[in-house]
Protein backbone atom coordinates (compact mmCIF):
# COMPACT_ATOMS: atom_id res chain seq x y z
CA MET A 1 119.99 63.76 132.89
CA HIS A 2 117.64 65.54 135.27
CA LEU A 3 119.68 68.58 135.37
CA TYR A 4 119.60 68.88 131.37
CA ALA A 5 115.73 68.38 131.50
CA TYR A 6 115.38 71.02 134.18
CA LEU A 7 117.88 73.47 132.36
CA TYR A 8 115.91 72.89 129.03
CA ALA A 9 112.53 73.46 130.82
CA ALA A 10 113.74 76.68 132.57
CA VAL A 11 115.34 78.08 129.52
CA SER A 12 112.34 77.34 127.29
CA SER A 13 109.79 78.81 129.72
CA ARG A 14 111.93 81.86 130.17
CA LEU A 15 112.17 82.41 126.33
CA ALA A 16 108.39 81.97 125.98
CA GLU A 17 107.86 84.57 128.52
CA LEU A 18 110.39 86.92 126.82
CA ARG A 19 108.64 86.22 123.52
CA ARG A 20 105.09 87.13 125.18
CA ASP A 21 106.42 90.40 126.74
CA THR A 22 106.80 92.58 123.60
CA GLU A 23 107.31 95.87 125.38
CA ARG A 24 110.86 95.70 126.66
CA GLY A 25 112.01 99.14 126.12
CA ASP A 26 114.40 100.78 123.81
CA SER A 27 117.52 99.16 122.22
CA PRO A 28 120.98 100.35 123.50
CA VAL A 29 122.05 101.11 119.70
CA PRO A 30 120.32 104.48 119.51
CA THR A 31 121.74 105.58 123.18
CA ALA A 32 125.32 104.48 122.18
CA VAL A 33 124.93 106.65 118.82
CA ILE A 34 123.85 109.51 120.76
CA ILE A 35 126.45 109.25 123.19
CA PHE A 36 129.15 108.89 120.47
CA GLY A 37 127.77 112.14 118.78
CA LEU A 38 127.95 114.08 121.99
CA VAL A 39 131.35 112.97 122.76
CA ALA A 40 132.52 113.94 119.08
CA VAL A 41 130.87 117.30 119.49
CA ALA A 42 132.44 117.79 122.87
CA MET A 43 135.82 117.00 121.50
CA ALA A 44 135.28 119.42 118.41
CA VAL A 45 134.32 122.21 120.78
CA THR A 46 137.12 121.40 123.19
CA ALA A 47 139.69 121.58 120.28
CA LEU A 48 138.20 124.73 118.79
CA ALA A 49 138.55 126.43 122.36
CA LEU A 50 142.19 125.40 122.66
CA THR A 51 143.06 126.60 119.17
CA LYS A 52 141.39 130.13 120.01
CA ALA A 53 143.16 130.28 123.36
CA ASN A 54 146.47 129.43 121.92
CA ASP A 55 146.17 131.92 119.14
CA TRP A 56 145.06 134.56 121.80
CA MET A 57 147.94 133.70 123.88
CA ASN A 58 150.53 133.86 121.07
CA ALA A 59 149.07 137.39 119.92
CA ILE A 60 150.29 138.92 123.10
CA PRO A 61 153.38 141.25 122.51
CA ASN A 62 156.75 140.02 124.35
CA HIS A 63 155.03 136.82 124.87
CA THR A 64 157.36 134.10 126.54
CA ASP A 65 156.26 130.50 127.44
CA PRO A 66 156.28 129.75 131.10
CA LYS A 67 159.21 127.49 132.23
């Protein structure tokens, strides 16, 4: 029973400390949204560059694919 009382006291004091400290930084959600957006833009740019490069390579006369 002493363990439960100790755990209760430790958790409640920690929660009270966290409630008192209002400035804990930024939420991870906006950071995740920004990273997702950057990844999406990078994928779109890579796909566009790959398409342009393939079109340029296919426009070469007497083009043969490497084996």
